[in-house]
mmCIF file of all heavy atoms, coordinates in Angstrom:
data_MODEL
# 
_entry.id   MODEL 
# 
loop_
_atom_site.group_PDB 
_atom_site.id 
_atom_site.type_symbol 
_atom_site.label_atom_id 
_atom_site.label_alt_id 
_atom_site.label_comp_id 
_atom_site.label_asym_id 
_atom_site.label_entity_id 
_atom_site.label_seq_id 
_atom_site.pdbx_PDB_ins_code 
_atom_site.Cartn_x 
_atom_site.Cartn_y 
_atom_site.Cartn_z 
_atom_site.occupancy 
_atom_site.B_iso_or_equiv 
_atom_site.pdbx_formal_charge 
_atom_site.auth_seq_id 
_atom_site.auth_comp_id 
_atom_site.auth_asym_id 
_atom_site.auth_atom_id 
_atom_site.pdbx_PDB_model_num 
ATOM 1   N N   . LEU A 1 1  ? -118.358 105.821 -155.810 1.00 0.00 ? 1  LEU A N   1 
ATOM 2   C CA  . LEU A 1 1  ? -117.761 106.421 -154.609 1.00 0.00 ? 1  LEU A CA  1 
ATOM 3   C C   . LEU A 1 1  ? -117.695 105.385 -153.493 1.00 0.00 ? 1  LEU A C   1 
ATOM 4   O O   . LEU A 1 1  ? -116.847 105.490 -152.609 1.00 0.00 ? 1  LEU A O   1 
ATOM 5   C CB  . LEU A 1 1  ? -118.575 107.637 -154.150 1.00 0.00 ? 1  LEU A CB  1 
ATOM 6   C CG  . LEU A 1 1  ? -118.678 108.795 -155.151 1.00 0.00 ? 1  LEU A CG  1 
ATOM 7   C CD1 . LEU A 1 1  ? -119.658 109.839 -154.642 1.00 0.00 ? 1  LEU A CD1 1 
ATOM 8   C CD2 . LEU A 1 1  ? -117.308 109.401 -155.399 1.00 0.00 ? 1  LEU A CD2 1 
ATOM 9   N N   . LEU A 1 2  ? -118.586 104.395 -153.560 1.00 0.00 ? 2  LEU A N   1 
ATOM 10  C CA  . LEU A 1 2  ? -118.628 103.307 -152.597 1.00 0.00 ? 2  LEU A CA  1 
ATOM 11  C C   . LEU A 1 2  ? -118.618 101.984 -153.375 1.00 0.00 ? 2  LEU A C   1 
ATOM 12  O O   . LEU A 1 2  ? -119.218 101.910 -154.436 1.00 0.00 ? 2  LEU A O   1 
ATOM 13  C CB  . LEU A 1 2  ? -119.924 103.347 -151.786 1.00 0.00 ? 2  LEU A CB  1 
ATOM 14  C CG  . LEU A 1 2  ? -120.008 104.206 -150.558 1.00 0.00 ? 2  LEU A CG  1 
ATOM 15  C CD1 . LEU A 1 2  ? -121.413 104.158 -149.983 1.00 0.00 ? 2  LEU A CD1 1 
ATOM 16  C CD2 . LEU A 1 2  ? -119.018 103.786 -149.526 1.00 0.00 ? 2  LEU A CD2 1 
ATOM 17  N N   . PRO A 1 3  ? -117.986 100.949 -152.835 1.00 0.00 ? 3  PRO A N   1 
ATOM 18  C CA  . PRO A 1 3  ? -118.063 99.641  -153.496 1.00 0.00 ? 3  PRO A CA  1 
ATOM 19  C C   . PRO A 1 3  ? -119.419 98.997  -153.233 1.00 0.00 ? 3  PRO A C   1 
ATOM 20  O O   . PRO A 1 3  ? -120.037 99.223  -152.191 1.00 0.00 ? 3  PRO A O   1 
ATOM 21  C CB  . PRO A 1 3  ? -116.937 98.845  -152.831 1.00 0.00 ? 3  PRO A CB  1 
ATOM 22  C CG  . PRO A 1 3  ? -116.790 99.467  -151.482 1.00 0.00 ? 3  PRO A CG  1 
ATOM 23  C CD  . PRO A 1 3  ? -117.110 100.916 -151.651 1.00 0.00 ? 3  PRO A CD  1 
ATOM 24  N N   . PHE A 1 4  ? -119.877 98.164  -154.175 1.00 0.00 ? 4  PHE A N   1 
ATOM 25  C CA  . PHE A 1 4  ? -121.099 97.411  -153.963 1.00 0.00 ? 4  PHE A CA  1 
ATOM 26  C C   . PHE A 1 4  ? -120.872 96.350  -152.907 1.00 0.00 ? 4  PHE A C   1 
ATOM 27  O O   . PHE A 1 4  ? -121.735 96.085  -152.091 1.00 0.00 ? 4  PHE A O   1 
ATOM 28  C CB  . PHE A 1 4  ? -121.599 96.777  -155.255 1.00 0.00 ? 4  PHE A CB  1 
ATOM 29  C CG  . PHE A 1 4  ? -122.337 97.736  -156.145 1.00 0.00 ? 4  PHE A CG  1 
ATOM 30  C CD1 . PHE A 1 4  ? -121.673 98.483  -157.109 1.00 0.00 ? 4  PHE A CD1 1 
ATOM 31  C CD2 . PHE A 1 4  ? -123.696 97.907  -155.998 1.00 0.00 ? 4  PHE A CD2 1 
ATOM 32  C CE1 . PHE A 1 4  ? -122.354 99.370  -157.909 1.00 0.00 ? 4  PHE A CE1 1 
ATOM 33  C CE2 . PHE A 1 4  ? -124.393 98.790  -156.799 1.00 0.00 ? 4  PHE A CE2 1 
ATOM 34  C CZ  . PHE A 1 4  ? -123.719 99.522  -157.747 1.00 0.00 ? 4  PHE A CZ  1 
ATOM 35  N N   . LEU A 1 5  ? -119.709 95.711  -152.936 1.00 0.00 ? 5  LEU A N   1 
ATOM 36  C CA  . LEU A 1 5  ? -119.333 94.707  -151.948 1.00 0.00 ? 5  LEU A CA  1 
ATOM 37  C C   . LEU A 1 5  ? -117.935 95.002  -151.463 1.00 0.00 ? 5  LEU A C   1 
ATOM 38  O O   . LEU A 1 5  ? -117.094 95.473  -152.211 1.00 0.00 ? 5  LEU A O   1 
ATOM 39  C CB  . LEU A 1 5  ? -119.345 93.306  -152.565 1.00 0.00 ? 5  LEU A CB  1 
ATOM 40  C CG  . LEU A 1 5  ? -120.694 92.731  -152.975 1.00 0.00 ? 5  LEU A CG  1 
ATOM 41  C CD1 . LEU A 1 5  ? -120.473 91.449  -153.736 1.00 0.00 ? 5  LEU A CD1 1 
ATOM 42  C CD2 . LEU A 1 5  ? -121.558 92.491  -151.758 1.00 0.00 ? 5  LEU A CD2 1 
ATOM 43  N N   . ASN A 1 6  ? -117.686 94.702  -150.201 1.00 0.00 ? 6  ASN A N   1 
ATOM 44  C CA  . ASN A 1 6  ? -116.360 94.843  -149.651 1.00 0.00 ? 6  ASN A CA  1 
ATOM 45  C C   . ASN A 1 6  ? -115.748 93.447  -149.602 1.00 0.00 ? 6  ASN A C   1 
ATOM 46  O O   . ASN A 1 6  ? -116.085 92.648  -148.754 1.00 0.00 ? 6  ASN A O   1 
ATOM 47  C CB  . ASN A 1 6  ? -116.423 95.459  -148.261 1.00 0.00 ? 6  ASN A CB  1 
ATOM 48  C CG  . ASN A 1 6  ? -115.069 95.888  -147.772 1.00 0.00 ? 6  ASN A CG  1 
ATOM 49  O OD1 . ASN A 1 6  ? -114.072 95.705  -148.451 1.00 0.00 ? 6  ASN A OD1 1 
ATOM 50  N ND2 . ASN A 1 6  ? -115.014 96.443  -146.578 1.00 0.00 ? 6  ASN A ND2 1 
ATOM 51  N N   . ASN A 1 7  ? -114.847 93.140  -150.535 1.00 0.00 ? 7  ASN A N   1 
ATOM 52  C CA  . ASN A 1 7  ? -114.351 91.771  -150.705 1.00 0.00 ? 7  ASN A CA  1 
ATOM 53  C C   . ASN A 1 7  ? -113.040 91.513  -149.992 1.00 0.00 ? 7  ASN A C   1 
ATOM 54  O O   . ASN A 1 7  ? -112.368 90.534  -150.294 1.00 0.00 ? 7  ASN A O   1 
ATOM 55  C CB  . ASN A 1 7  ? -114.177 91.455  -152.200 1.00 0.00 ? 7  ASN A CB  1 
ATOM 56  C CG  . ASN A 1 7  ? -115.498 91.407  -152.923 1.00 0.00 ? 7  ASN A CG  1 
ATOM 57  O OD1 . ASN A 1 7  ? -116.514 91.036  -152.320 1.00 0.00 ? 7  ASN A OD1 1 
ATOM 58  N ND2 . ASN A 1 7  ? -115.523 91.763  -154.175 1.00 0.00 ? 7  ASN A ND2 1 
ATOM 59  N N   . GLU A 1 8  ? -112.657 92.343  -149.054 1.00 0.00 ? 8  GLU A N   1 
ATOM 60  C CA  . GLU A 1 8  ? -111.359 92.163  -148.378 1.00 0.00 ? 8  GLU A CA  1 
ATOM 61  C C   . GLU A 1 8  ? -111.321 90.834  -147.617 1.00 0.00 ? 8  GLU A C   1 
ATOM 62  O O   . GLU A 1 8  ? -110.283 90.178  -147.582 1.00 0.00 ? 8  GLU A O   1 
ATOM 63  C CB  . GLU A 1 8  ? -111.116 93.309  -147.402 1.00 0.00 ? 8  GLU A CB  1 
ATOM 64  C CG  . GLU A 1 8  ? -110.840 94.606  -148.109 1.00 0.00 ? 8  GLU A CG  1 
ATOM 65  C CD  . GLU A 1 8  ? -110.682 95.766  -147.138 1.00 0.00 ? 8  GLU A CD  1 
ATOM 66  O OE1 . GLU A 1 8  ? -110.584 95.513  -145.927 1.00 0.00 ? 8  GLU A OE1 1 
ATOM 67  O OE2 . GLU A 1 8  ? -110.669 96.899  -147.587 1.00 0.00 ? 8  GLU A OE2 1 
ATOM 68  N N   . LYS A 1 9  ? -112.412 90.417  -147.019 1.00 0.00 ? 9  LYS A N   1 
ATOM 69  C CA  . LYS A 1 9  ? -112.423 89.182  -146.235 1.00 0.00 ? 9  LYS A CA  1 
ATOM 70  C C   . LYS A 1 9  ? -112.293 87.942  -147.132 1.00 0.00 ? 9  LYS A C   1 
ATOM 71  O O   . LYS A 1 9  ? -111.753 86.946  -146.715 1.00 0.00 ? 9  LYS A O   1 
ATOM 72  C CB  . LYS A 1 9  ? -113.722 89.094  -145.407 1.00 0.00 ? 9  LYS A CB  1 
ATOM 73  C CG  . LYS A 1 9  ? -113.819 90.195  -144.407 1.00 0.00 ? 9  LYS A CG  1 
ATOM 74  C CD  . LYS A 1 9  ? -114.132 89.631  -143.069 1.00 0.00 ? 9  LYS A CD  1 
ATOM 75  C CE  . LYS A 1 9  ? -114.036 90.735  -142.028 1.00 0.00 ? 9  LYS A CE  1 
ATOM 76  N NZ  . LYS A 1 9  ? -114.193 90.251  -140.708 1.00 0.00 ? 9  LYS A NZ  1 
ATOM 77  N N   . GLN A 1 10 ? -112.770 88.016  -148.360 1.00 0.00 ? 10 GLN A N   1 
ATOM 78  C CA  . GLN A 1 10 ? -112.708 86.849  -149.251 1.00 0.00 ? 10 GLN A CA  1 
ATOM 79  C C   . GLN A 1 10 ? -111.269 86.511  -149.604 1.00 0.00 ? 10 GLN A C   1 
ATOM 80  O O   . GLN A 1 10 ? -110.909 85.374  -149.761 1.00 0.00 ? 10 GLN A O   1 
ATOM 81  C CB  . GLN A 1 10 ? -113.498 87.097  -150.518 1.00 0.00 ? 10 GLN A CB  1 
ATOM 82  C CG  . GLN A 1 10 ? -114.985 87.039  -150.306 1.00 0.00 ? 10 GLN A CG  1 
ATOM 83  C CD  . GLN A 1 10 ? -115.783 87.239  -151.564 1.00 0.00 ? 10 GLN A CD  1 
ATOM 84  O OE1 . GLN A 1 10 ? -115.218 87.600  -152.593 1.00 0.00 ? 10 GLN A OE1 1 
ATOM 85  N NE2 . GLN A 1 10 ? -117.083 87.038  -151.498 1.00 0.00 ? 10 GLN A NE2 1 
ATOM 86  N N   . PHE A 1 11 ? -110.408 87.542  -149.732 1.00 0.00 ? 11 PHE A N   1 
ATOM 87  C CA  . PHE A 1 11 ? -109.026 87.280  -150.081 1.00 0.00 ? 11 PHE A CA  1 
ATOM 88  C C   . PHE A 1 11 ? -108.290 86.626  -148.925 1.00 0.00 ? 11 PHE A C   1 
ATOM 89  O O   . PHE A 1 11 ? -107.377 85.832  -149.133 1.00 0.00 ? 11 PHE A O   1 
ATOM 90  C CB  . PHE A 1 11 ? -108.326 88.590  -150.460 1.00 0.00 ? 11 PHE A CB  1 
ATOM 91  C CG  . PHE A 1 11 ? -108.861 89.193  -151.729 1.00 0.00 ? 11 PHE A CG  1 
ATOM 92  C CD1 . PHE A 1 11 ? -109.424 90.461  -151.726 1.00 0.00 ? 11 PHE A CD1 1 
ATOM 93  C CD2 . PHE A 1 11 ? -108.845 88.489  -152.917 1.00 0.00 ? 11 PHE A CD2 1 
ATOM 94  C CE1 . PHE A 1 11 ? -109.932 90.982  -152.883 1.00 0.00 ? 11 PHE A CE1 1 
ATOM 95  C CE2 . PHE A 1 11 ? -109.346 89.036  -154.077 1.00 0.00 ? 11 PHE A CE2 1 
ATOM 96  C CZ  . PHE A 1 11 ? -109.901 90.291  -154.050 1.00 0.00 ? 11 PHE A CZ  1 
ATOM 97  N N   . GLU A 1 12 ? -108.680 86.879  -147.706 1.00 0.00 ? 12 GLU A N   1 
ATOM 98  C CA  . GLU A 1 12 ? -108.057 86.243  -146.556 1.00 0.00 ? 12 GLU A CA  1 
ATOM 99  C C   . GLU A 1 12 ? -108.438 84.764  -146.474 1.00 0.00 ? 12 GLU A C   1 
ATOM 100 O O   . GLU A 1 12 ? -107.634 83.965  -146.002 1.00 0.00 ? 12 GLU A O   1 
ATOM 101 C CB  . GLU A 1 12 ? -108.488 86.955  -145.264 1.00 0.00 ? 12 GLU A CB  1 
ATOM 102 C CG  . GLU A 1 12 ? -107.949 88.355  -145.161 1.00 0.00 ? 12 GLU A CG  1 
ATOM 103 C CD  . GLU A 1 12 ? -108.526 89.110  -143.976 1.00 0.00 ? 12 GLU A CD  1 
ATOM 104 O OE1 . GLU A 1 12 ? -109.209 88.487  -143.161 1.00 0.00 ? 12 GLU A OE1 1 
ATOM 105 O OE2 . GLU A 1 12 ? -108.284 90.318  -143.890 1.00 0.00 ? 12 GLU A OE2 1 
ATOM 106 N N   . ARG A 1 13 ? -109.608 84.408  -146.925 1.00 0.00 ? 13 ARG A N   1 
ATOM 107 C CA  . ARG A 1 13 ? -110.071 83.016  -146.840 1.00 0.00 ? 13 ARG A CA  1 
ATOM 108 C C   . ARG A 1 13 ? -109.341 82.105  -147.797 1.00 0.00 ? 13 ARG A C   1 
ATOM 109 O O   . ARG A 1 13 ? -109.308 80.915  -147.606 1.00 0.00 ? 13 ARG A O   1 
ATOM 110 C CB  . ARG A 1 13 ? -111.576 82.945  -147.116 1.00 0.00 ? 13 ARG A CB  1 
ATOM 111 C CG  . ARG A 1 13 ? -112.411 83.467  -145.999 1.00 0.00 ? 13 ARG A CG  1 
ATOM 112 C CD  . ARG A 1 13 ? -113.870 83.211  -146.309 1.00 0.00 ? 13 ARG A CD  1 
ATOM 113 N NE  . ARG A 1 13 ? -114.693 84.089  -145.502 1.00 0.00 ? 13 ARG A NE  1 
ATOM 114 C CZ  . ARG A 1 13 ? -115.868 84.547  -145.841 1.00 0.00 ? 13 ARG A CZ  1 
ATOM 115 N NH1 . ARG A 1 13 ? -116.372 84.201  -147.001 1.00 0.00 ? 13 ARG A NH1 1 
ATOM 116 N NH2 . ARG A 1 13 ? -116.556 85.338  -145.067 1.00 0.00 ? 13 ARG A NH2 1 
ATOM 117 N N   . THR A 1 14 ? -108.776 82.651  -148.878 1.00 0.00 ? 14 THR A N   1 
ATOM 118 C CA  . THR A 1 14 ? -108.129 81.803  -149.879 1.00 0.00 ? 14 THR A CA  1 
ATOM 119 C C   . THR A 1 14 ? -106.896 81.107  -149.324 1.00 0.00 ? 14 THR A C   1 
ATOM 120 O O   . THR A 1 14 ? -106.472 80.100  -149.846 1.00 0.00 ? 14 THR A O   1 
ATOM 121 C CB  . THR A 1 14 ? -107.722 82.636  -151.115 1.00 0.00 ? 14 THR A CB  1 
ATOM 122 O OG1 . THR A 1 14 ? -106.894 83.723  -150.685 1.00 0.00 ? 14 THR A OG1 1 
ATOM 123 C CG2 . THR A 1 14 ? -108.939 83.174  -151.833 1.00 0.00 ? 14 THR A CG2 1 
ATOM 124 N N   . GLU A 1 15 ? -106.328 81.617  -148.216 1.00 0.00 ? 15 GLU A N   1 
ATOM 125 C CA  . GLU A 1 15 ? -105.151 81.016  -147.635 1.00 0.00 ? 15 GLU A CA  1 
ATOM 126 C C   . GLU A 1 15 ? -105.492 79.761  -146.834 1.00 0.00 ? 15 GLU A C   1 
ATOM 127 O O   . GLU A 1 15 ? -104.602 79.018  -146.465 1.00 0.00 ? 15 GLU A O   1 
ATOM 128 C CB  . GLU A 1 15 ? -104.467 82.030  -146.720 1.00 0.00 ? 15 GLU A CB  1 
ATOM 129 C CG  . GLU A 1 15 ? -103.930 83.234  -147.469 1.00 0.00 ? 15 GLU A CG  1 
ATOM 130 C CD  . GLU A 1 15 ? -103.454 84.308  -146.527 1.00 0.00 ? 15 GLU A CD  1 
ATOM 131 O OE1 . GLU A 1 15 ? -103.319 84.030  -145.324 1.00 0.00 ? 15 GLU A OE1 1 
ATOM 132 O OE2 . GLU A 1 15 ? -103.190 85.428  -146.994 1.00 0.00 ? 15 GLU A OE2 1 
ATOM 133 N N   . SER A 1 16 ? -106.773 79.522  -146.528 1.00 0.00 ? 16 SER A N   1 
ATOM 134 C CA  . SER A 1 16 ? -107.162 78.367  -145.734 1.00 0.00 ? 16 SER A CA  1 
ATOM 135 C C   . SER A 1 16 ? -106.888 77.076  -146.519 1.00 0.00 ? 16 SER A C   1 
ATOM 136 O O   . SER A 1 16 ? -106.933 77.068  -147.750 1.00 0.00 ? 16 SER A O   1 
ATOM 137 C CB  . SER A 1 16 ? -108.628 78.453  -145.344 1.00 0.00 ? 16 SER A CB  1 
ATOM 138 O OG  . SER A 1 16 ? -109.431 78.393  -146.497 1.00 0.00 ? 16 SER A OG  1 
ATOM 139 N N   . PRO A 1 17 ? -106.616 75.996  -145.818 1.00 0.00 ? 17 PRO A N   1 
ATOM 140 C CA  . PRO A 1 17 ? -106.317 74.719  -146.534 1.00 0.00 ? 17 PRO A CA  1 
ATOM 141 C C   . PRO A 1 17 ? -107.550 74.244  -147.298 1.00 0.00 ? 17 PRO A C   1 
ATOM 142 O O   . PRO A 1 17 ? -108.657 74.334  -146.823 1.00 0.00 ? 17 PRO A O   1 
ATOM 143 C CB  . PRO A 1 17 ? -105.946 73.753  -145.401 1.00 0.00 ? 17 PRO A CB  1 
ATOM 144 C CG  . PRO A 1 17 ? -106.533 74.356  -144.169 1.00 0.00 ? 17 PRO A CG  1 
ATOM 145 C CD  . PRO A 1 17 ? -106.558 75.836  -144.383 1.00 0.00 ? 17 PRO A CD  1 
ATOM 146 N N   . THR A 1 18 ? -107.287 73.699  -148.471 1.00 0.00 ? 18 THR A N   1 
ATOM 147 C CA  . THR A 1 18 ? -108.397 73.221  -149.309 1.00 0.00 ? 18 THR A CA  1 
ATOM 148 C C   . THR A 1 18 ? -108.739 71.795  -148.903 1.00 0.00 ? 18 THR A C   1 
ATOM 149 O O   . THR A 1 18 ? -107.870 70.995  -148.558 1.00 0.00 ? 18 THR A O   1 
ATOM 150 C CB  . THR A 1 18 ? -108.001 73.259  -150.803 1.00 0.00 ? 18 THR A CB  1 
ATOM 151 O OG1 . THR A 1 18 ? -106.818 72.465  -150.964 1.00 0.00 ? 18 THR A OG1 1 
ATOM 152 C CG2 . THR A 1 18 ? -107.758 74.670  -151.278 1.00 0.00 ? 18 THR A CG2 1 
ATOM 153 N N   . LYS A 1 19 ? -110.022 71.474  -148.980 1.00 0.00 ? 19 LYS A N   1 
ATOM 154 C CA  . LYS A 1 19 ? -110.500 70.150  -148.636 1.00 0.00 ? 19 LYS A CA  1 
ATOM 155 C C   . LYS A 1 19 ? -110.595 69.327  -149.902 1.00 0.00 ? 19 LYS A C   1 
ATOM 156 O O   . LYS A 1 19 ? -111.042 69.823  -150.944 1.00 0.00 ? 19 LYS A O   1 
ATOM 157 C CB  . LYS A 1 19 ? -111.860 70.236  -147.974 1.00 0.00 ? 19 LYS A CB  1 
ATOM 158 C CG  . LYS A 1 19 ? -111.827 70.918  -146.631 1.00 0.00 ? 19 LYS A CG  1 
ATOM 159 C CD  . LYS A 1 19 ? -113.208 70.980  -146.045 1.00 0.00 ? 19 LYS A CD  1 
ATOM 160 C CE  . LYS A 1 19 ? -113.203 71.704  -144.709 1.00 0.00 ? 19 LYS A CE  1 
ATOM 161 N NZ  . LYS A 1 19 ? -114.536 71.852  -144.171 1.00 0.00 ? 19 LYS A NZ  1 
ATOM 162 N N   . THR A 1 20 ? -110.208 68.070  -149.791 1.00 0.00 ? 20 THR A N   1 
ATOM 163 C CA  . THR A 1 20 ? -110.335 67.184  -150.964 1.00 0.00 ? 20 THR A CA  1 
ATOM 164 C C   . THR A 1 20 ? -111.357 66.113  -150.621 1.00 0.00 ? 20 THR A C   1 
ATOM 165 O O   . THR A 1 20 ? -111.347 65.547  -149.530 1.00 0.00 ? 20 THR A O   1 
ATOM 166 C CB  . THR A 1 20 ? -108.989 66.525  -151.322 1.00 0.00 ? 20 THR A CB  1 
ATOM 167 O OG1 . THR A 1 20 ? -108.500 65.852  -150.167 1.00 0.00 ? 20 THR A OG1 1 
ATOM 168 C CG2 . THR A 1 20 ? -107.966 67.570  -151.765 1.00 0.00 ? 20 THR A CG2 1 
ATOM 169 N N   . TYR A 1 21 ? -112.214 65.867  -151.562 1.00 0.00 ? 21 TYR A N   1 
ATOM 170 C CA  . TYR A 1 21 ? -113.259 64.876  -151.378 1.00 0.00 ? 21 TYR A CA  1 
ATOM 171 C C   . TYR A 1 21 ? -113.106 63.812  -152.472 1.00 0.00 ? 21 TYR A C   1 
ATOM 172 O O   . TYR A 1 21 ? -112.893 64.128  -153.616 1.00 0.00 ? 21 TYR A O   1 
ATOM 173 C CB  . TYR A 1 21 ? -114.657 65.503  -151.497 1.00 0.00 ? 21 TYR A CB  1 
ATOM 174 C CG  . TYR A 1 21 ? -114.944 66.502  -150.429 1.00 0.00 ? 21 TYR A CG  1 
ATOM 175 C CD1 . TYR A 1 21 ? -114.905 67.882  -150.722 1.00 0.00 ? 21 TYR A CD1 1 
ATOM 176 C CD2 . TYR A 1 21 ? -115.290 66.126  -149.141 1.00 0.00 ? 21 TYR A CD2 1 
ATOM 177 C CE1 . TYR A 1 21 ? -115.174 68.814  -149.740 1.00 0.00 ? 21 TYR A CE1 1 
ATOM 178 C CE2 . TYR A 1 21 ? -115.582 67.046  -148.180 1.00 0.00 ? 21 TYR A CE2 1 
ATOM 179 C CZ  . TYR A 1 21 ? -115.507 68.388  -148.464 1.00 0.00 ? 21 TYR A CZ  1 
ATOM 180 O OH  . TYR A 1 21 ? -115.785 69.307  -147.488 1.00 0.00 ? 21 TYR A OH  1 
ATOM 181 N N   . SER A 1 22 ? -113.227 62.562  -152.091 1.00 0.00 ? 22 SER A N   1 
ATOM 182 C CA  . SER A 1 22 ? -113.270 61.488  -153.085 1.00 0.00 ? 22 SER A CA  1 
ATOM 183 C C   . SER A 1 22 ? -114.676 60.929  -153.085 1.00 0.00 ? 22 SER A C   1 
ATOM 184 O O   . SER A 1 22 ? -115.148 60.356  -152.115 1.00 0.00 ? 22 SER A O   1 
ATOM 185 C CB  . SER A 1 22 ? -112.228 60.398  -152.759 1.00 0.00 ? 22 SER A CB  1 
ATOM 186 O OG  . SER A 1 22 ? -112.522 59.857  -151.489 1.00 0.00 ? 22 SER A OG  1 
ATOM 187 N N   . PHE A 1 23 ? -115.356 61.133  -154.205 1.00 0.00 ? 23 PHE A N   1 
ATOM 188 C CA  . PHE A 1 23 ? -116.748 60.729  -154.296 1.00 0.00 ? 23 PHE A CA  1 
ATOM 189 C C   . PHE A 1 23 ? -116.890 59.287  -154.745 1.00 0.00 ? 23 PHE A C   1 
ATOM 190 O O   . PHE A 1 23 ? -117.789 58.580  -154.319 1.00 0.00 ? 23 PHE A O   1 
ATOM 191 C CB  . PHE A 1 23 ? -117.501 61.654  -155.243 1.00 0.00 ? 23 PHE A CB  1 
ATOM 192 C CG  . PHE A 1 23 ? -117.630 63.053  -154.695 1.00 0.00 ? 23 PHE A CG  1 
ATOM 193 C CD1 . PHE A 1 23 ? -116.866 64.093  -155.229 1.00 0.00 ? 23 PHE A CD1 1 
ATOM 194 C CD2 . PHE A 1 23 ? -118.497 63.334  -153.670 1.00 0.00 ? 23 PHE A CD2 1 
ATOM 195 C CE1 . PHE A 1 23 ? -117.004 65.367  -154.723 1.00 0.00 ? 23 PHE A CE1 1 
ATOM 196 C CE2 . PHE A 1 23 ? -118.619 64.616  -153.156 1.00 0.00 ? 23 PHE A CE2 1 
ATOM 197 C CZ  . PHE A 1 23 ? -117.864 65.617  -153.694 1.00 0.00 ? 23 PHE A CZ  1 
ATOM 198 N N   . ARG A 1 24 ? -116.017 58.829  -155.628 1.00 0.00 ? 24 ARG A N   1 
ATOM 199 C CA  . ARG A 1 24 ? -116.150 57.478  -156.185 1.00 0.00 ? 24 ARG A CA  1 
ATOM 200 C C   . ARG A 1 24 ? -114.874 56.688  -155.994 1.00 0.00 ? 24 ARG A C   1 
ATOM 201 O O   . ARG A 1 24 ? -113.784 57.197  -156.173 1.00 0.00 ? 24 ARG A O   1 
ATOM 202 C CB  . ARG A 1 24 ? -116.407 57.601  -157.690 1.00 0.00 ? 24 ARG A CB  1 
ATOM 203 C CG  . ARG A 1 24 ? -117.766 57.133  -158.101 1.00 0.00 ? 24 ARG A CG  1 
ATOM 204 C CD  . ARG A 1 24 ? -117.861 57.125  -159.576 1.00 0.00 ? 24 ARG A CD  1 
ATOM 205 N NE  . ARG A 1 24 ? -118.920 58.060  -159.952 1.00 0.00 ? 24 ARG A NE  1 
ATOM 206 C CZ  . ARG A 1 24 ? -119.187 58.393  -161.195 1.00 0.00 ? 24 ARG A CZ  1 
ATOM 207 N NH1 . ARG A 1 24 ? -118.456 57.938  -162.149 1.00 0.00 ? 24 ARG A NH1 1 
ATOM 208 N NH2 . ARG A 1 24 ? -120.165 59.179  -161.453 1.00 0.00 ? 24 ARG A NH2 1 
ATOM 209 N N   . THR A 1 25 ? -115.031 55.476  -155.665 1.00 0.00 ? 25 THR A N   1 
ATOM 210 C CA  . THR A 1 25 ? -113.869 54.582  -155.610 1.00 0.00 ? 25 THR A CA  1 
ATOM 211 C C   . THR A 1 25 ? -114.187 53.400  -156.523 1.00 0.00 ? 25 THR A C   1 
ATOM 212 O O   . THR A 1 25 ? -115.281 52.840  -156.479 1.00 0.00 ? 25 THR A O   1 
ATOM 213 C CB  . THR A 1 25 ? -113.601 54.074  -154.177 1.00 0.00 ? 25 THR A CB  1 
ATOM 214 O OG1 . THR A 1 25 ? -114.783 53.476  -153.683 1.00 0.00 ? 25 THR A OG1 1 
ATOM 215 C CG2 . THR A 1 25 ? -113.168 55.201  -153.267 1.00 0.00 ? 25 THR A CG2 1 
ATOM 216 N N   . LYS A 1 26 ? -113.214 53.024  -157.349 1.00 0.00 ? 26 LYS A N   1 
ATOM 217 C CA  . LYS A 1 26 ? -113.416 51.916  -158.285 1.00 0.00 ? 26 LYS A CA  1 
ATOM 218 C C   . LYS A 1 26 ? -113.031 50.609  -157.619 1.00 0.00 ? 26 LYS A C   1 
ATOM 219 O O   . LYS A 1 26 ? -111.991 50.499  -157.013 1.00 0.00 ? 26 LYS A O   1 
ATOM 220 C CB  . LYS A 1 26 ? -112.583 52.115  -159.546 1.00 0.00 ? 26 LYS A CB  1 
ATOM 221 C CG  . LYS A 1 26 ? -113.081 53.273  -160.392 1.00 0.00 ? 26 LYS A CG  1 
ATOM 222 C CD  . LYS A 1 26 ? -112.309 53.321  -161.697 1.00 0.00 ? 26 LYS A CD  1 
ATOM 223 C CE  . LYS A 1 26 ? -112.858 54.408  -162.585 1.00 0.00 ? 26 LYS A CE  1 
ATOM 224 N NZ  . LYS A 1 26 ? -112.185 54.487  -163.851 1.00 0.00 ? 26 LYS A NZ  1 
ATOM 225 N N   . ASN A 1 27 ? -113.887 49.651  -157.761 1.00 0.00 ? 27 ASN A N   1 
ATOM 226 C CA  . ASN A 1 27 ? -113.617 48.308  -157.252 1.00 0.00 ? 27 ASN A CA  1 
ATOM 227 C C   . ASN A 1 27 ? -113.366 47.355  -158.419 1.00 0.00 ? 27 ASN A C   1 
ATOM 228 O O   . ASN A 1 27 ? -114.248 47.116  -159.225 1.00 0.00 ? 27 ASN A O   1 
ATOM 229 C CB  . ASN A 1 27 ? -114.796 47.776  -156.425 1.00 0.00 ? 27 ASN A CB  1 
ATOM 230 C CG  . ASN A 1 27 ? -115.048 48.622  -155.181 1.00 0.00 ? 27 ASN A CG  1 
ATOM 231 O OD1 . ASN A 1 27 ? -114.245 49.490  -154.871 1.00 0.00 ? 27 ASN A OD1 1 
ATOM 232 N ND2 . ASN A 1 27 ? -116.113 48.337  -154.490 1.00 0.00 ? 27 ASN A ND2 1 
ATOM 233 N N   . LYS A 1 28 ? -112.156 46.797  -158.496 1.00 0.00 ? 28 LYS A N   1 
ATOM 234 C CA  . LYS A 1 28 ? -111.815 45.867  -159.565 1.00 0.00 ? 28 LYS A CA  1 
ATOM 235 C C   . LYS A 1 28 ? -111.332 44.557  -159.028 1.00 0.00 ? 28 LYS A C   1 
ATOM 236 O O   . LYS A 1 28 ? -110.720 44.423  -158.069 1.00 0.00 ? 28 LYS A O   1 
ATOM 237 C CB  . LYS A 1 28 ? -110.778 46.433  -160.505 1.00 0.00 ? 28 LYS A CB  1 
ATOM 238 C CG  . LYS A 1 28 ? -111.381 47.501  -161.391 1.00 0.00 ? 28 LYS A CG  1 
ATOM 239 C CD  . LYS A 1 28 ? -110.368 47.891  -162.442 1.00 0.00 ? 28 LYS A CD  1 
ATOM 240 C CE  . LYS A 1 28 ? -110.977 48.885  -163.383 1.00 0.00 ? 28 LYS A CE  1 
ATOM 241 N NZ  . LYS A 1 28 ? -110.075 49.261  -164.418 1.00 0.00 ? 28 LYS A NZ  1 
# 
């Protein structure tokens, strides 16, 4: 009758820009 979690806010966050991280750079 009630949801365990209200996930409406999580769907709104998916529109935010994704961050890209570069952890390793190769030196040749």
